[in-house]
């Protein structure tokens, strides 16, 4: 079980959630300011949602007794917010080539 204690803006929290759900998370709450909260969730709760597993690999059996909720459930039950999957345009940066700068 992960217990994340944070004092963050909701935008920063969305950025950190992106790592957990392996997708881009965008803050659409409209909330401003910093919030101090603790979020308890189980990375194992991500199994079966198309998310990469952190331990044991794809062939590992699911845990018998998951120690906590998925991050999706934890965010909704503990923070009163909802992580919702949507499709939409995403800005990406493509680097074709990188060169060392020349000396001036």
PDB file of N, CA and C in Angstrom:
ATOM      1  N   UNK A   1       0.845  -1.169   0.000  1.00  0.00           N
ATOM      2  CA  UNK A   1       0.000   0.000   0.000  1.00  0.00           C
ATOM      3  C   UNK A   1       0.885   1.224   0.000  1.00  0.00           C
ATOM      4  N   UNK A   2       0.564   2.189  -0.828  1.00  0.00           N
ATOM      5  CA  UNK A   2       1.267   3.458  -0.864  1.00  0.00           C
ATOM      6  C   UNK A   2       0.469   4.467  -0.060  1.00  0.00           C
ATOM      7  N   UNK A   3       1.167   5.263   0.712  1.00  0.00           N
ATOM      8  CA  UNK A   3       0.531   6.375   1.413  1.00  0.00           C
ATOM      9  C   UNK A   3       1.295   7.620   1.017  1.00  0.00           C
ATOM     10  N   UNK A   4       0.677   8.442   0.223  1.00  0.00           N
ATOM     11  CA  UNK A   4       1.318   9.656  -0.265  1.00  0.00           C
ATOM     12  C   UNK A   4       0.787  10.843   0.523  1.00  0.00           C
ATOM     13  N   UNK A   5       1.654  11.495   1.306  1.00  0.00           N
ATOM     14  CA  UNK A   5       1.261  12.716   2.011  1.00  0.00           C
ATOM     15  C   UNK A   5       1.848  13.874   1.229  1.00  0.00           C
ATOM     16  N   UNK A   6       0.988  14.798   0.859  1.00  0.00           N
ATOM     17  CA  UNK A   6       1.414  15.867  -0.028  1.00  0.00           C
ATOM     18  C   UNK A   6       0.825  17.201   0.399  1.00  0.00           C
ATOM     19  N   UNK A   7       1.507  18.245   0.032  1.00  0.00           N
ATOM     20  CA  UNK A   7       0.977  19.602   0.102  1.00  0.00           C
ATOM     21  C   UNK A   7       1.220  20.188  -1.278  1.00  0.00           C
ATOM     22  N   UNK A   8       0.211  20.055  -2.152  1.00  0.00           N
ATOM     23  CA  UNK A   8       0.374  20.368  -3.566  1.00  0.00           C
ATOM     24  C   UNK A   8      -0.826  21.098  -4.120  1.00  0.00           C
ATOM     25  N   UNK A   9      -0.631  21.696  -5.273  1.00  0.00           N
ATOM     26  CA  UNK A   9      -1.763  22.203  -6.039  1.00  0.00           C
ATOM     27  C   UNK A   9      -2.430  21.013  -6.719  1.00  0.00           C
ATOM     28  N   UNK A  10      -3.667  21.191  -7.158  1.00  0.00           N
ATOM     29  CA  UNK A  10      -4.328  20.087  -7.857  1.00  0.00           C
ATOM     30  C   UNK A  10      -3.659  19.825  -9.208  1.00  0.00           C
ATOM     31  N   UNK A  11      -3.096  20.856  -9.822  1.00  0.00           N
ATOM     32  CA  UNK A  11      -2.386  20.658 -11.096  1.00  0.00           C
ATOM     33  C   UNK A  11      -1.156  19.780 -10.889  1.00  0.00           C
ATOM     34  N   UNK A  12      -0.398  20.025  -9.832  1.00  0.00           N
ATOM     35  CA  UNK A  12       0.788  19.209  -9.533  1.00  0.00           C
ATOM     36  C   UNK A  12       0.380  17.790  -9.167  1.00  0.00           C
ATOM     37  N   UNK A  13      -0.731  17.654  -8.443  1.00  0.00           N
ATOM     38  CA  UNK A  13      -1.239  16.331  -8.086  1.00  0.00           C
ATOM     39  C   UNK A  13      -1.617  15.542  -9.337  1.00  0.00           C
ATOM     40  N   UNK A  14      -2.217  16.216 -10.321  1.00  0.00           N
ATOM     41  CA  UNK A  14      -2.572  15.554 -11.579  1.00  0.00           C
ATOM     42  C   UNK A  14      -1.324  15.074 -12.295  1.00  0.00           C
ATOM     43  N   UNK A  15      -0.277  15.903 -12.276  1.00  0.00           N
ATOM     44  CA  UNK A  15       0.984  15.515 -12.910  1.00  0.00           C
ATOM     45  C   UNK A  15       1.541  14.256 -12.248  1.00  0.00           C
ATOM     46  N   UNK A  16       1.516  14.192 -10.917  1.00  0.00           N
ATOM     47  CA  UNK A  16       2.021  13.020 -10.206  1.00  0.00           C
ATOM     48  C   UNK A  16       1.138  11.796 -10.441  1.00  0.00           C
ATOM     49  N   UNK A  17      -0.157  12.010 -10.556  1.00  0.00           N
ATOM     50  CA  UNK A  17      -1.070  10.897 -10.839  1.00  0.00           C
ATOM     51  C   UNK A  17      -0.789  10.292 -12.207  1.00  0.00           C
ATOM     52  N   UNK A  18      -0.285  11.104 -13.129  1.00  0.00           N
ATOM     53  CA  UNK A  18       0.054  10.605 -14.462  1.00  0.00           C
ATOM     54  C   UNK A  18       1.021   9.432 -14.385  1.00  0.00           C
ATOM     55  N   UNK A  19       1.967   9.498 -13.466  1.00  0.00           N
ATOM     56  CA  UNK A  19       2.929   8.402 -13.306  1.00  0.00           C
ATOM     57  C   UNK A  19       2.253   7.136 -12.826  1.00  0.00           C
ATOM     58  N   UNK A  20       1.267   7.263 -11.958  1.00  0.00           N
ATOM     59  CA  UNK A  20       0.586   6.097 -11.401  1.00  0.00           C
ATOM     60  C   UNK A  20      -0.332   5.417 -12.402  1.00  0.00           C
ATOM     61  N   UNK A  21      -1.001   6.193 -13.241  1.00  0.00           N
ATOM     62  CA  UNK A  21      -1.972   5.615 -14.173  1.00  0.00           C
ATOM     63  C   UNK A  21      -1.398   5.404 -15.569  1.00  0.00           C
ATOM     64  N   UNK A  22      -0.137   5.800 -15.766  1.00  0.00           N
ATOM     65  CA  UNK A  22       0.541   5.629 -17.045  1.00  0.00           C
ATOM     66  C   UNK A  22      -0.221   6.308 -18.187  1.00  0.00           C
ATOM     67  N   UNK A  23      -0.819   7.452 -17.856  1.00  0.00           N
ATOM     68  CA  UNK A  23      -1.543   8.277 -18.829  1.00  0.00           C
ATOM     69  C   UNK A  23      -1.326   9.733 -18.443  1.00  0.00           C
ATOM     70  N   UNK A  24      -1.674  10.620 -19.341  1.00  0.00           N
ATOM     71  CA  UNK A  24      -1.579  12.042 -19.027  1.00  0.00           C
ATOM     72  C   UNK A  24      -2.791  12.417 -18.202  1.00  0.00           C
ATOM     73  N   UNK A  25      -2.557  12.968 -17.013  1.00  0.00           N
ATOM     74  CA  UNK A  25      -3.653  13.430 -16.155  1.00  0.00           C
ATOM     75  C   UNK A  25      -3.688  14.956 -16.210  1.00  0.00           C
ATOM     76  N   UNK A  26      -4.856  15.502 -16.462  1.00  0.00           N
ATOM     77  CA  UNK A  26      -5.039  16.950 -16.588  1.00  0.00           C
ATOM     78  C   UNK A  26      -5.971  17.425 -15.485  1.00  0.00           C
ATOM     79  N   UNK A  27      -5.574  18.472 -14.803  1.00  0.00           N
ATOM     80  CA  UNK A  27      -6.390  19.044 -13.736  1.00  0.00           C
ATOM     81  C   UNK A  27      -7.519  19.873 -14.340  1.00  0.00           C
ATOM     82  N   UNK A  28      -8.749  19.425 -14.158  1.00  0.00           N
ATOM     83  CA  UNK A  28      -9.918  20.175 -14.620  1.00  0.00           C
ATOM     84  C   UNK A  28     -10.800  20.592 -13.448  1.00  0.00           C
ATOM     85  N   UNK A  29     -10.226  20.616 -12.235  1.00  0.00           N
ATOM     86  CA  UNK A  29     -11.020  20.929 -11.046  1.00  0.00           C
ATOM     87  C   UNK A  29     -11.343  22.412 -10.926  1.00  0.00           C
ATOM     88  N   UNK A  30     -10.454  23.266 -11.401  1.00  0.00           N
ATOM     89  CA  UNK A  30     -10.636  24.699 -11.215  1.00  0.00           C
ATOM     90  C   UNK A  30     -10.234  25.171  -9.824  1.00  0.00           C
ATOM     91  N   UNK A  31      -9.719  24.246  -9.006  1.00  0.00           N
ATOM     92  CA  UNK A  31      -9.296  24.594  -7.646  1.00  0.00           C
ATOM     93  C   UNK A  31      -7.935  25.277  -7.684  1.00  0.00           C
ATOM     94  N   UNK A  32      -7.741  26.244  -6.807  1.00  0.00           N
ATOM     95  CA  UNK A  32      -6.456  26.940  -6.717  1.00  0.00           C
ATOM     96  C   UNK A  32      -5.907  26.775  -5.310  1.00  0.00           C
ATOM     97  N   UNK A  33      -4.645  27.072  -5.149  1.00  0.00           N
ATOM     98  CA  UNK A  33      -4.014  26.979  -3.835  1.00  0.00           C
ATOM     99  C   UNK A  33      -3.412  25.613  -3.597  1.00  0.00           C
ATOM    100  N   UNK A  34      -2.722  25.497  -2.464  1.00  0.00           N
ATOM    101  CA  UNK A  34      -2.104  24.237  -2.060  1.00  0.00           C
ATOM    102  C   UNK A  34      -3.040  23.485  -1.126  1.00  0.00           C
ATOM    103  N   UNK A  35      -3.007  22.162  -1.212  1.00  0.00           N
ATOM    104  CA  UNK A  35      -3.825  21.305  -0.374  1.00  0.00           C
ATOM    105  C   UNK A  35      -2.931  20.288   0.298  1.00  0.00           C
ATOM    106  N   UNK A  36      -3.132  20.102   1.599  1.00  0.00           N
ATOM    107  CA  UNK A  36      -2.379  19.125   2.378  1.00  0.00           C
ATOM    108  C   UNK A  36      -3.262  17.894   2.532  1.00  0.00           C
ATOM    109  N   UNK A  37      -2.829  16.757   1.991  1.00  0.00           N
ATOM    110  CA  UNK A  37      -3.643  15.551   2.050  1.00  0.00           C
ATOM    111  C   UNK A  37      -2.764  14.315   2.076  1.00  0.00           C
ATOM    112  N   UNK A  38      -3.349  13.217   2.505  1.00  0.00           N
ATOM    113  CA  UNK A  38      -2.710  11.905   2.452  1.00  0.00           C
ATOM    114  C   UNK A  38      -3.607  11.013   1.616  1.00  0.00           C
ATOM    115  N   UNK A  39      -3.016  10.333   0.658  1.00  0.00           N
ATOM    116  CA  UNK A  39      -3.759   9.433  -0.219  1.00  0.00           C
ATOM    117  C   UNK A  39      -3.181   8.038  -0.065  1.00  0.00           C
ATOM    118  N   UNK A  40      -4.011   7.105   0.368  1.00  0.00           N
ATOM    119  CA  UNK A  40      -3.572   5.712   0.545  1.00  0.00           C
ATOM    120  C   UNK A  40      -4.207   4.859  -0.540  1.00  0.00           C
ATOM    121  N   UNK A  41      -3.340   4.156  -1.297  1.00  0.00           N
ATOM    122  CA  UNK A  41      -3.832   3.309  -2.385  1.00  0.00           C
ATOM    123  C   UNK A  41      -2.866   2.162  -2.597  1.00  0.00           C
ATOM    124  N   UNK A  42      -3.324   1.178  -3.349  1.00  0.00           N
ATOM    125  CA  UNK A  42      -2.525  -0.003  -3.646  1.00  0.00           C
ATOM    126  C   UNK A  42      -2.150  -0.019  -5.118  1.00  0.00           C
ATOM    127  N   UNK A  43      -0.852   0.001  -5.434  1.00  0.00           N
ATOM    128  CA  UNK A  43      -0.467  -0.128  -6.845  1.00  0.00           C
ATOM    129  C   UNK A  43      -0.990  -1.428  -7.449  1.00  0.00           C
ATOM    130  N   UNK A  44      -1.162  -2.474  -6.616  1.00  0.00           N
ATOM    131  CA  UNK A  44      -1.694  -3.739  -7.108  1.00  0.00           C
ATOM    132  C   UNK A  44      -3.134  -3.585  -7.560  1.00  0.00           C
ATOM    133  N   UNK A  45      -3.840  -2.581  -7.054  1.00  0.00           N
ATOM    134  CA  UNK A  45      -5.212  -2.327  -7.461  1.00  0.00           C
ATOM    135  C   UNK A  45      -5.326  -1.887  -8.907  1.00  0.00           C
ATOM    136  N   UNK A  46      -4.193  -1.603  -9.551  1.00  0.00           N
ATOM    137  CA  UNK A  46      -4.182  -1.163 -10.941  1.00  0.00           C
ATOM    138  C   UNK A  46      -4.290  -2.341 -11.898  1.00  0.00           C
ATOM    139  N   UNK A  47      -4.109  -3.566 -11.410  1.00  0.00           N
ATOM    140  CA  UNK A  47      -4.154  -4.728 -12.284  1.00  0.00           C
ATOM    141  C   UNK A  47      -5.537  -4.865 -12.893  1.00  0.00           C
ATOM    142  N   UNK A  48      -5.583  -5.337 -14.108  1.00  0.00           N
ATOM    143  CA  UNK A  48      -6.848  -5.531 -14.788  1.00  0.00           C
ATOM    144  C   UNK A  48      -7.378  -4.252 -15.427  1.00  0.00           C
ATOM    145  N   UNK A  49      -6.652  -3.151 -15.309  1.00  0.00           N
ATOM    146  CA  UNK A  49      -7.083  -1.886 -15.899  1.00  0.00           C
ATOM    147  C   UNK A  49      -6.190  -1.503 -17.063  1.00  0.00           C
ATOM    148  N   UNK A  50      -5.391  -2.459 -17.543  1.00  0.00           N
ATOM    149  CA  UNK A  50      -4.492  -2.163 -18.646  1.00  0.00           C
ATOM    150  C   UNK A  50      -3.272  -1.384 -18.197  1.00  0.00           C
ATOM    151  N   UNK A  51      -3.013  -1.370 -16.905  1.00  0.00           N
ATOM    152  CA  UNK A  51      -1.879  -0.634 -16.380  1.00  0.00           C
ATOM    153  C   UNK A  51      -0.710  -1.592 -16.163  1.00  0.00           C
ATOM    154  N   UNK A  52       0.513  -1.108 -16.330  1.00  0.00           N
ATOM    155  CA  UNK A  52       1.655  -1.987 -16.104  1.00  0.00           C
ATOM    156  C   UNK A  52       1.750  -2.364 -14.639  1.00  0.00           C
ATOM    157  N   UNK A  53       2.160  -3.602 -14.401  1.00  0.00           N
ATOM    158  CA  UNK A  53       2.338  -4.053 -13.028  1.00  0.00           C
ATOM    159  C   UNK A  53       3.733  -3.691 -12.564  1.00  0.00           C
ATOM    160  N   UNK A  54       3.871  -3.360 -11.302  1.00  0.00           N
ATOM    161  CA  UNK A  54       5.154  -2.931 -10.777  1.00  0.00           C
ATOM    162  C   UNK A  54       6.007  -4.091 -10.304  1.00  0.00           C
ATOM    163  N   UNK A  55       5.383  -5.145  -9.824  1.00  0.00           N
ATOM    164  CA  UNK A  55       6.149  -6.268  -9.318  1.00  0.00           C
ATOM    165  C   UNK A  55       5.592  -7.562  -9.891  1.00  0.00           C
ATOM    166  N   UNK A  56       6.447  -8.519 -10.145  1.00  0.00           N
ATOM    167  CA  UNK A  56       5.999  -9.837 -10.539  1.00  0.00           C
ATOM    168  C   UNK A  56       5.795 -10.043 -12.022  1.00  0.00           C
ATOM    169  N   UNK A  57       5.658  -8.997 -12.803  1.00  0.00           N
ATOM    170  CA  UNK A  57       5.499  -9.123 -14.241  1.00  0.00           C
ATOM    171  C   UNK A  57       4.090  -9.492 -14.651  1.00  0.00           C
ATOM    172  N   UNK A  58       3.890  -9.580 -15.951  1.00  0.00           N
ATOM    173  CA  UNK A  58       2.558  -9.817 -16.508  1.00  0.00           C
ATOM    174  C   UNK A  58       2.017 -11.199 -16.178  1.00  0.00           C
ATOM    175  N   UNK A  59       2.903 -12.193 -15.973  1.00  0.00           N
ATOM    176  CA  UNK A  59       2.453 -13.554 -15.708  1.00  0.00           C
ATOM    177  C   UNK A  59       2.211 -13.833 -14.229  1.00  0.00           C
ATOM    178  N   UNK A  60       2.507 -12.865 -13.373  1.00  0.00           N
ATOM    179  CA  UNK A  60       2.317 -13.065 -11.941  1.00  0.00           C
ATOM    180  C   UNK A  60       0.830 -13.088 -11.613  1.00  0.00           C
ATOM    181  N   UNK A  61       0.409 -13.975 -10.705  1.00  0.00           N
ATOM    182  CA  UNK A  61      -0.999 -14.001 -10.332  1.00  0.00           C
ATOM    183  C   UNK A  61      -1.372 -12.746  -9.541  1.00  0.00           C
ATOM    184  N   UNK A  62      -2.638 -12.332  -9.601  1.00  0.00           N
ATOM    185  CA  UNK A  62      -3.040 -11.154  -8.832  1.00  0.00           C
ATOM    186  C   UNK A  62      -2.926 -11.440  -7.344  1.00  0.00           C
ATOM    187  N   UNK A  63      -2.733 -10.407  -6.545  1.00  0.00           N
ATOM    188  CA  UNK A  63      -2.615 -10.629  -5.116  1.00  0.00           C
ATOM    189  C   UNK A  63      -3.915 -11.205  -4.556  1.00  0.00           C
ATOM    190  N   UNK A  64      -3.781 -12.091  -3.581  1.00  0.00           N
ATOM    191  CA  UNK A  64      -4.940 -12.737  -2.991  1.00  0.00           C
ATOM    192  C   UNK A  64      -5.787 -11.718  -2.232  1.00  0.00           C
ATOM    193  N   UNK A  65      -5.139 -10.891  -1.433  1.00  0.00           N
ATOM    194  CA  UNK A  65      -5.856  -9.910  -0.633  1.00  0.00           C
ATOM    195  C   UNK A  65      -5.179  -8.562  -0.814  1.00  0.00           C
ATOM    196  N   UNK A  66      -5.699  -7.748  -1.731  1.00  0.00           N
ATOM    197  CA  UNK A  66      -5.107  -6.450  -2.008  1.00  0.00           C
ATOM    198  C   UNK A  66      -5.174  -5.588  -0.759  1.00  0.00           C
ATOM    199  N   UNK A  67      -4.048  -4.965  -0.376  1.00  0.00           N
ATOM    200  CA  UNK A  67      -4.002  -4.212   0.870  1.00  0.00           C
ATOM    201  C   UNK A  67      -4.712  -2.868   0.821  1.00  0.00           C
ATOM    202  N   UNK A  68      -5.216  -2.453  -0.307  1.00  0.00           N
ATOM    203  CA  UNK A  68      -5.885  -1.160  -0.371  1.00  0.00           C
ATOM    204  C   UNK A  68      -6.554  -0.947  -1.702  1.00  0.00           C
ATOM    205  N   UNK A  69      -7.231   0.186  -1.851  1.00  0.00           N
ATOM    206  CA  UNK A  69      -7.952   0.473  -3.087  1.00  0.00           C
ATOM    207  C   UNK A  69      -7.016   0.902  -4.208  1.00  0.00           C
ATOM    208  N   UNK A  70      -7.520   0.869  -5.440  1.00  0.00           N
ATOM    209  CA  UNK A  70      -6.763   1.398  -6.564  1.00  0.00           C
ATOM    210  C   UNK A  70      -6.669   2.908  -6.401  1.00  0.00           C
ATOM    211  N   UNK A  71      -5.786   3.547  -7.157  1.00  0.00           N
ATOM    212  CA  UNK A  71      -5.669   5.003  -7.072  1.00  0.00           C
ATOM    213  C   UNK A  71      -6.972   5.670  -7.500  1.00  0.00           C
ATOM    214  N   UNK A  72      -7.709   5.063  -8.434  1.00  0.00           N
ATOM    215  CA  UNK A  72      -8.975   5.620  -8.898  1.00  0.00           C
ATOM    216  C   UNK A  72      -9.990   5.673  -7.751  1.00  0.00           C
ATOM    217  N   UNK A  73     -10.112   4.570  -7.031  1.00  0.00           N
ATOM    218  CA  UNK A  73     -11.039   4.495  -5.900  1.00  0.00           C
ATOM    219  C   UNK A  73     -10.582   5.404  -4.772  1.00  0.00           C
ATOM    220  N   UNK A  74      -9.278   5.407  -4.486  1.00  0.00           N
ATOM    221  CA  UNK A  74      -8.741   6.218  -3.393  1.00  0.00           C
ATOM    222  C   UNK A  74      -8.986   7.705  -3.627  1.00  0.00           C
ATOM    223  N   UNK A  75      -8.749   8.180  -4.844  1.00  0.00           N
ATOM    224  CA  UNK A  75      -8.959   9.599  -5.147  1.00  0.00           C
ATOM    225  C   UNK A  75     -10.425   9.969  -4.936  1.00  0.00           C
ATOM    226  N   UNK A  76     -11.325   9.100  -5.365  1.00  0.00           N
ATOM    227  CA  UNK A  76     -12.749   9.410  -5.238  1.00  0.00           C
ATOM    228  C   UNK A  76     -13.207   9.323  -3.784  1.00  0.00           C
ATOM    229  N   UNK A  77     -12.842   8.266  -3.070  1.00  0.00           N
ATOM    230  CA  UNK A  77     -13.328   8.074  -1.705  1.00  0.00           C
ATOM    231  C   UNK A  77     -12.612   8.963  -0.684  1.00  0.00           C
ATOM    232  N   UNK A  78     -11.306   9.185  -0.860  1.00  0.00           N
ATOM    233  CA  UNK A  78     -10.536   9.914   0.143  1.00  0.00           C
ATOM    234  C   UNK A  78     -10.460  11.415  -0.128  1.00  0.00           C
ATOM    235  N   UNK A  79     -10.550  11.814  -1.393  1.00  0.00           N
ATOM    236  CA  UNK A  79     -10.419  13.231  -1.732  1.00  0.00           C
ATOM    237  C   UNK A  79     -11.700  13.837  -2.294  1.00  0.00           C
ATOM    238  N   UNK A  80     -12.662  12.997  -2.655  1.00  0.00           N
ATOM    239  CA  UNK A  80     -13.898  13.511  -3.234  1.00  0.00           C
ATOM    240  C   UNK A  80     -13.733  13.984  -4.668  1.00  0.00           C
ATOM    241  N   UNK A  81     -12.672  13.544  -5.327  1.00  0.00           N
ATOM    242  CA  UNK A  81     -12.408  13.887  -6.722  1.00  0.00           C
ATOM    243  C   UNK A  81     -12.531  12.622  -7.558  1.00  0.00           C
ATOM    244  N   UNK A  82     -12.507  12.772  -8.873  1.00  0.00           N
ATOM    245  CA  UNK A  82     -12.658  11.606  -9.744  1.00  0.00           C
ATOM    246  C   UNK A  82     -11.628  11.646 -10.854  1.00  0.00           C
ATOM    247  N   UNK A  83     -10.918  10.531 -11.029  1.00  0.00           N
ATOM    248  CA  UNK A  83     -10.038  10.360 -12.180  1.00  0.00           C
ATOM    249  C   UNK A  83     -10.893   9.744 -13.276  1.00  0.00           C
ATOM    250  N   UNK A  84     -11.040  10.465 -14.358  1.00  0.00           N
ATOM    251  CA  UNK A  84     -11.914  10.032 -15.440  1.00  0.00           C
ATOM    252  C   UNK A  84     -11.118   9.915 -16.733  1.00  0.00           C
ATOM    253  N   UNK A  85     -11.263   8.786 -17.418  1.00  0.00           N
ATOM    254  CA  UNK A  85     -10.552   8.567 -18.669  1.00  0.00           C
ATOM    255  C   UNK A  85     -11.306   9.223 -19.816  1.00  0.00           C
ATOM    256  N   UNK A  86     -10.587  10.014 -20.612  1.00  0.00           N
ATOM    257  CA  UNK A  86     -11.159  10.669 -21.780  1.00  0.00           C
ATOM    258  C   UNK A  86     -10.145  10.641 -22.908  1.00  0.00           C
ATOM    259  N   UNK A  87     -10.644  10.776 -24.112  1.00  0.00           N
ATOM    260  CA  UNK A  87      -9.764  10.906 -25.264  1.00  0.00           C
ATOM    261  C   UNK A  87      -9.782  12.354 -25.709  1.00  0.00           C
ATOM    262  N   UNK A  88      -8.633  12.835 -26.145  1.00  0.00           N
ATOM    263  CA  UNK A  88      -8.554  14.202 -26.611  1.00  0.00           C
ATOM    264  C   UNK A  88      -7.183  14.488 -27.176  1.00  0.00           C
ATOM    265  N   UNK A  89      -7.022  15.669 -27.762  1.00  0.00           N
ATOM    266  CA  UNK A  89      -5.723  16.028 -28.343  1.00  0.00           C
ATOM    267  C   UNK A  89      -4.671  16.233 -27.256  1.00  0.00           C
ATOM    268  N   UNK A  90      -3.454  15.865 -27.581  1.00  0.00           N
ATOM    269  CA  UNK A  90      -2.334  16.002 -26.657  1.00  0.00           C
ATOM    270  C   UNK A  90      -1.164  16.607 -27.416  1.00  0.00           C
ATOM    271  N   UNK A  91      -0.564  17.630 -26.842  1.00  0.00           N
ATOM    272  CA  UNK A  91       0.636  18.214 -27.440  1.00  0.00           C
ATOM    273  C   UNK A  91       1.828  17.317 -27.146  1.00  0.00           C
ATOM    274  N   UNK A  92       2.616  17.026 -28.170  1.00  0.00           N
ATOM    275  CA  UNK A  92       3.841  16.252 -27.981  1.00  0.00           C
ATOM    276  C   UNK A  92       4.988  16.959 -28.696  1.00  0.00           C
ATOM    277  N   UNK A  93       6.175  16.716 -28.219  1.00  0.00           N
ATOM    278  CA  UNK A  93       7.373  17.300 -28.801  1.00  0.00           C
ATOM    279  C   UNK A  93       8.190  16.173 -29.409  1.00  0.00           C
ATOM    280  N   UNK A  94       8.540  16.313 -30.681  1.00  0.00           N
ATOM    281  CA  UNK A  94       9.344  15.305 -31.378  1.00  0.00           C
ATOM    282  C   UNK A  94      10.694  15.925 -31.714  1.00  0.00           C
ATOM    283  N   UNK A  95      11.755  15.269 -31.284  1.00  0.00           N
ATOM    284  CA  UNK A  95      13.111  15.709 -31.606  1.00  0.00           C
ATOM    285  C   UNK A  95      13.639  14.821 -32.716  1.00  0.00           C
ATOM    286  N   UNK A  96      13.947  15.437 -33.857  1.00  0.00           N
ATOM    287  CA  UNK A  96      14.492  14.672 -34.971  1.00  0.00           C
ATOM    288  C   UNK A  96      15.988  14.463 -34.832  1.00  0.00           C
ATOM    289  N   UNK A  97      16.666  15.444 -34.255  1.00  0.00           N
ATOM    290  CA  UNK A  97      18.122  15.362 -34.182  1.00  0.00           C
ATOM    291  C   UNK A  97      18.604  16.309 -33.083  1.00  0.00           C
ATOM    292  N   UNK A  98      19.685  15.900 -32.423  1.00  0.00           N
ATOM    293  CA  UNK A  98      20.330  16.745 -31.414  1.00  0.00           C
ATOM    294  C   UNK A  98      21.808  16.830 -31.759  1.00  0.00           C
ATOM    295  N   UNK A  99      22.323  18.021 -31.733  1.00  0.00           N
ATOM    296  CA  UNK A  99      23.748  18.227 -32.003  1.00  0.00           C
ATOM    297  C   UNK A  99      24.356  19.071 -30.883  1.00  0.00           C
ATOM    298  N   UNK A 100      25.623  18.826 -30.605  1.00  0.00           N
ATOM    299  CA  UNK A 100      26.326  19.666 -29.643  1.00  0.00           C
ATOM    300  C   UNK A 100      26.516  21.052 -30.268  1.00  0.00           C
ATOM    301  N   UNK A 101      26.391  22.089 -29.447  1.00  0.00           N
ATOM    302  CA  UNK A 101      26.597  23.444 -30.013  1.00  0.00           C
ATOM    303  C   UNK A 101      28.050  23.657 -30.417  1.00  0.00           C
ATOM    304  N   UNK A 102      28.235  24.476 -31.439  1.00  0.00           N
ATOM    305  CA  UNK A 102      29.591  24.793 -31.866  1.00  0.00           C
ATOM    306  C   UNK A 102      30.159  25.857 -30.946  1.00  0.00           C
ATOM    307  N   UNK A 103      31.472  25.874 -30.794  1.00  0.00           N
ATOM    308  CA  UNK A 103      32.115  26.891 -29.959  1.00  0.00           C
ATOM    309  C   UNK A 103      32.091  28.216 -30.695  1.00  0.00           C
ATOM    310  N   UNK A 104      31.838  29.289 -29.949  1.00  0.00           N
ATOM    311  CA  UNK A 104      31.779  30.647 -30.550  1.00  0.00           C
ATOM    312  C   UNK A 104      33.125  31.289 -30.559  1.00  0.00           C
TER     313      UNK A 104
END
